[in-house]
N, C-alpha and C. Protein backbone atom coordinates (compact mmCIF):
# COMPACT_ATOMS: atom_id res chain seq x y z
N MET A 1 -54.87 26.46 -63.18
CA MET A 1 -55.62 25.58 -62.33
C MET A 1 -55.09 24.15 -62.43
N ARG A 2 -54.75 23.74 -63.65
CA ARG A 2 -54.26 22.38 -63.86
C ARG A 2 -52.93 22.17 -63.13
N ILE A 3 -52.07 23.19 -63.13
CA ILE A 3 -50.78 23.09 -62.47
C ILE A 3 -50.96 22.93 -60.96
N VAL A 4 -51.89 23.62 -60.38
CA VAL A 4 -52.15 23.51 -58.95
C VAL A 4 -52.61 22.08 -58.62
N PHE A 5 -53.49 21.53 -59.43
CA PHE A 5 -53.99 20.17 -59.19
C PHE A 5 -52.86 19.16 -59.31
N VAL A 6 -52.02 19.30 -60.31
CA VAL A 6 -50.90 18.37 -60.52
C VAL A 6 -49.93 18.46 -59.35
N CYS A 7 -49.62 19.66 -58.90
CA CYS A 7 -48.70 19.83 -57.76
C CYS A 7 -49.28 19.23 -56.48
N ALA A 8 -50.56 19.42 -56.26
CA ALA A 8 -51.21 18.86 -55.07
C ALA A 8 -51.20 17.34 -55.13
N ALA A 9 -51.50 16.77 -56.28
CA ALA A 9 -51.50 15.31 -56.42
C ALA A 9 -50.10 14.74 -56.23
N LEU A 10 -49.11 15.39 -56.79
CA LEU A 10 -47.73 14.94 -56.64
C LEU A 10 -47.29 15.01 -55.18
N SER A 11 -47.69 16.04 -54.49
CA SER A 11 -47.36 16.20 -53.08
C SER A 11 -47.94 15.06 -52.25
N ILE A 12 -49.16 14.69 -52.52
CA ILE A 12 -49.82 13.59 -51.78
C ILE A 12 -49.12 12.27 -52.07
N ILE A 13 -48.79 12.02 -53.32
CA ILE A 13 -48.12 10.77 -53.69
C ILE A 13 -46.75 10.67 -53.04
N LEU A 14 -45.97 11.74 -53.06
CA LEU A 14 -44.64 11.71 -52.46
C LEU A 14 -44.69 11.57 -50.95
N SER A 15 -45.65 12.16 -50.30
CA SER A 15 -45.74 12.04 -48.85
C SER A 15 -46.09 10.62 -48.44
N ALA A 16 -46.82 9.90 -49.27
CA ALA A 16 -47.15 8.50 -48.98
C ALA A 16 -45.92 7.62 -49.09
N CYS A 17 -44.99 7.97 -49.96
CA CYS A 17 -43.77 7.18 -50.14
C CYS A 17 -42.82 7.33 -48.97
N VAL A 18 -42.87 8.43 -48.27
CA VAL A 18 -41.93 8.71 -47.20
C VAL A 18 -42.34 8.05 -45.89
N SER A 19 -43.59 7.76 -45.69
CA SER A 19 -44.06 7.23 -44.42
C SER A 19 -43.51 5.84 -44.17
N THR A 20 -43.27 5.52 -42.90
CA THR A 20 -42.77 4.21 -42.51
C THR A 20 -43.96 3.31 -42.22
N PRO A 21 -44.03 2.16 -42.86
CA PRO A 21 -45.16 1.26 -42.62
C PRO A 21 -45.12 0.69 -41.20
N GLU A 22 -46.26 0.31 -40.72
CA GLU A 22 -46.35 -0.30 -39.40
C GLU A 22 -45.65 -1.65 -39.39
N PRO A 23 -44.97 -1.98 -38.30
CA PRO A 23 -44.32 -3.30 -38.24
C PRO A 23 -45.35 -4.41 -38.09
N ALA A 24 -44.99 -5.60 -38.55
CA ALA A 24 -45.88 -6.76 -38.42
C ALA A 24 -45.95 -7.23 -36.97
N ASN A 25 -44.89 -7.02 -36.20
CA ASN A 25 -44.80 -7.47 -34.81
C ASN A 25 -44.36 -6.30 -33.94
N PHE A 26 -45.05 -6.09 -32.83
CA PHE A 26 -44.69 -5.01 -31.91
C PHE A 26 -43.92 -5.57 -30.73
N CYS A 27 -42.95 -4.81 -30.24
CA CYS A 27 -42.20 -5.20 -29.04
C CYS A 27 -43.08 -4.98 -27.82
N THR A 28 -42.97 -5.88 -26.85
CA THR A 28 -43.77 -5.79 -25.63
C THR A 28 -42.87 -5.58 -24.43
N ASP A 29 -43.44 -5.05 -23.38
CA ASP A 29 -42.72 -4.88 -22.12
C ASP A 29 -43.04 -6.05 -21.21
N PRO A 30 -42.15 -6.52 -20.42
CA PRO A 30 -40.77 -6.05 -20.25
C PRO A 30 -39.91 -6.46 -21.44
N ARG A 31 -38.98 -5.62 -21.78
CA ARG A 31 -38.07 -5.89 -22.89
C ARG A 31 -37.02 -6.91 -22.45
N PRO A 32 -36.55 -7.74 -23.38
CA PRO A 32 -35.54 -8.73 -23.00
C PRO A 32 -34.21 -8.07 -22.63
N SER A 33 -33.54 -8.64 -21.65
CA SER A 33 -32.23 -8.13 -21.27
C SER A 33 -31.12 -9.10 -21.68
N VAL A 34 -31.50 -10.35 -21.98
CA VAL A 34 -30.54 -11.36 -22.43
C VAL A 34 -31.16 -12.08 -23.62
N CYS A 35 -30.39 -12.24 -24.69
CA CYS A 35 -30.87 -12.93 -25.89
C CYS A 35 -29.92 -14.06 -26.26
N THR A 36 -30.46 -15.11 -26.89
CA THR A 36 -29.60 -16.17 -27.40
C THR A 36 -28.89 -15.66 -28.65
N ARG A 37 -27.91 -16.39 -29.11
CA ARG A 37 -27.14 -15.95 -30.27
C ARG A 37 -27.67 -16.57 -31.56
N VAL A 38 -28.96 -16.75 -31.64
CA VAL A 38 -29.58 -17.28 -32.85
C VAL A 38 -29.61 -16.17 -33.90
N TYR A 39 -29.18 -16.50 -35.13
CA TYR A 39 -29.18 -15.50 -36.20
C TYR A 39 -30.46 -15.64 -37.01
N ALA A 40 -31.31 -14.64 -36.90
CA ALA A 40 -32.57 -14.57 -37.64
C ALA A 40 -32.76 -13.11 -38.04
N PRO A 41 -32.19 -12.68 -39.17
CA PRO A 41 -32.24 -11.27 -39.55
C PRO A 41 -33.62 -10.66 -39.38
N THR A 42 -33.63 -9.47 -38.80
CA THR A 42 -34.87 -8.79 -38.46
C THR A 42 -34.76 -7.32 -38.82
N CYS A 43 -35.80 -6.80 -39.46
CA CYS A 43 -35.84 -5.38 -39.82
C CYS A 43 -36.69 -4.65 -38.78
N ALA A 44 -36.03 -3.88 -37.93
CA ALA A 44 -36.73 -3.18 -36.85
C ALA A 44 -37.22 -1.81 -37.29
N VAL A 45 -38.37 -1.43 -36.77
CA VAL A 45 -38.92 -0.10 -37.01
C VAL A 45 -38.57 0.75 -35.79
N LEU A 46 -37.86 1.85 -36.03
CA LEU A 46 -37.40 2.71 -34.94
C LEU A 46 -38.48 3.70 -34.53
N ASN A 47 -38.52 4.05 -33.25
CA ASN A 47 -39.51 5.00 -32.73
C ASN A 47 -39.42 6.35 -33.43
N GLY A 48 -38.24 6.81 -33.74
CA GLY A 48 -38.05 8.11 -34.36
C GLY A 48 -38.22 8.09 -35.88
N GLY A 49 -38.60 6.95 -36.42
CA GLY A 49 -38.73 6.81 -37.87
C GLY A 49 -37.53 6.10 -38.44
N GLY A 50 -37.72 5.42 -39.51
CA GLY A 50 -36.63 4.69 -40.14
C GLY A 50 -36.60 3.24 -39.71
N ARG A 51 -35.68 2.53 -40.26
CA ARG A 51 -35.50 1.11 -39.99
C ARG A 51 -34.04 0.79 -39.76
N LYS A 52 -33.80 -0.29 -39.03
CA LYS A 52 -32.44 -0.74 -38.77
C LYS A 52 -32.47 -2.26 -38.67
N GLU A 53 -31.47 -2.91 -39.24
CA GLU A 53 -31.42 -4.36 -39.22
C GLU A 53 -30.71 -4.86 -37.96
N PHE A 54 -31.31 -5.87 -37.32
CA PHE A 54 -30.75 -6.52 -36.14
C PHE A 54 -30.57 -8.01 -36.44
N SER A 55 -29.80 -8.69 -35.60
CA SER A 55 -29.52 -10.11 -35.83
C SER A 55 -30.69 -11.01 -35.46
N SER A 56 -31.62 -10.53 -34.62
CA SER A 56 -32.78 -11.34 -34.23
C SER A 56 -33.87 -10.44 -33.65
N PRO A 57 -35.09 -10.95 -33.57
CA PRO A 57 -36.16 -10.16 -32.95
C PRO A 57 -35.85 -9.80 -31.49
N CYS A 58 -35.19 -10.72 -30.78
CA CYS A 58 -34.85 -10.46 -29.37
C CYS A 58 -33.90 -9.28 -29.25
N THR A 59 -32.85 -9.25 -30.06
CA THR A 59 -31.91 -8.14 -29.98
C THR A 59 -32.55 -6.83 -30.43
N ALA A 60 -33.46 -6.90 -31.38
CA ALA A 60 -34.16 -5.69 -31.81
C ALA A 60 -35.00 -5.13 -30.67
N CYS A 61 -35.80 -5.97 -30.05
CA CYS A 61 -36.71 -5.51 -28.99
C CYS A 61 -36.00 -5.19 -27.68
N SER A 62 -34.73 -5.58 -27.55
CA SER A 62 -34.00 -5.22 -26.33
C SER A 62 -33.62 -3.74 -26.35
N SER A 63 -33.72 -3.10 -27.51
CA SER A 63 -33.42 -1.67 -27.64
C SER A 63 -34.69 -0.85 -27.43
N ASP A 64 -34.61 0.17 -26.57
CA ASP A 64 -35.75 1.06 -26.33
C ASP A 64 -36.10 1.91 -27.55
N ALA A 65 -35.17 2.01 -28.52
CA ALA A 65 -35.41 2.82 -29.71
C ALA A 65 -36.29 2.10 -30.74
N VAL A 66 -36.60 0.82 -30.50
CA VAL A 66 -37.36 0.00 -31.45
C VAL A 66 -38.80 -0.15 -30.99
N SER A 67 -39.75 0.08 -31.92
CA SER A 67 -41.16 -0.10 -31.59
C SER A 67 -41.68 -1.46 -32.04
N GLY A 68 -41.09 -2.03 -33.07
CA GLY A 68 -41.53 -3.32 -33.57
C GLY A 68 -40.59 -3.80 -34.65
N PHE A 69 -40.95 -4.92 -35.30
CA PHE A 69 -40.06 -5.50 -36.28
C PHE A 69 -40.82 -6.32 -37.31
N ASP A 70 -40.15 -6.53 -38.43
CA ASP A 70 -40.62 -7.44 -39.48
C ASP A 70 -39.57 -8.52 -39.64
N ALA A 71 -40.00 -9.75 -39.90
CA ALA A 71 -39.06 -10.84 -40.12
C ALA A 71 -38.29 -10.62 -41.40
N GLY A 72 -37.04 -10.96 -41.39
CA GLY A 72 -36.20 -10.83 -42.58
C GLY A 72 -35.39 -9.55 -42.57
N PRO A 73 -34.40 -9.50 -43.47
CA PRO A 73 -33.56 -8.31 -43.53
C PRO A 73 -34.32 -7.10 -44.06
N CYS A 74 -33.81 -5.92 -43.79
CA CYS A 74 -34.42 -4.69 -44.28
C CYS A 74 -34.24 -4.58 -45.79
N PRO A 75 -35.23 -4.06 -46.49
CA PRO A 75 -35.06 -3.87 -47.94
C PRO A 75 -33.99 -2.82 -48.21
N GLN A 76 -33.27 -3.01 -49.27
CA GLN A 76 -32.18 -2.08 -49.61
C GLN A 76 -32.68 -0.85 -50.27
């Protein structure tokens, strides 16, 4: 019985680690088609899961694959 409880608890903890947190800022429509060349590292949250670093929030949100972003580079 103890082994079942430990396995269930471990499963819950590991599944929480895998989830992608919600972005602080969401991209809005219409999406930008032209961006300035300002460098402001941005960590974008992809629609399919995962993250990708872009040079600015504008360039991140110009991609349809991005749902939102956090300011700053992506954690390593």
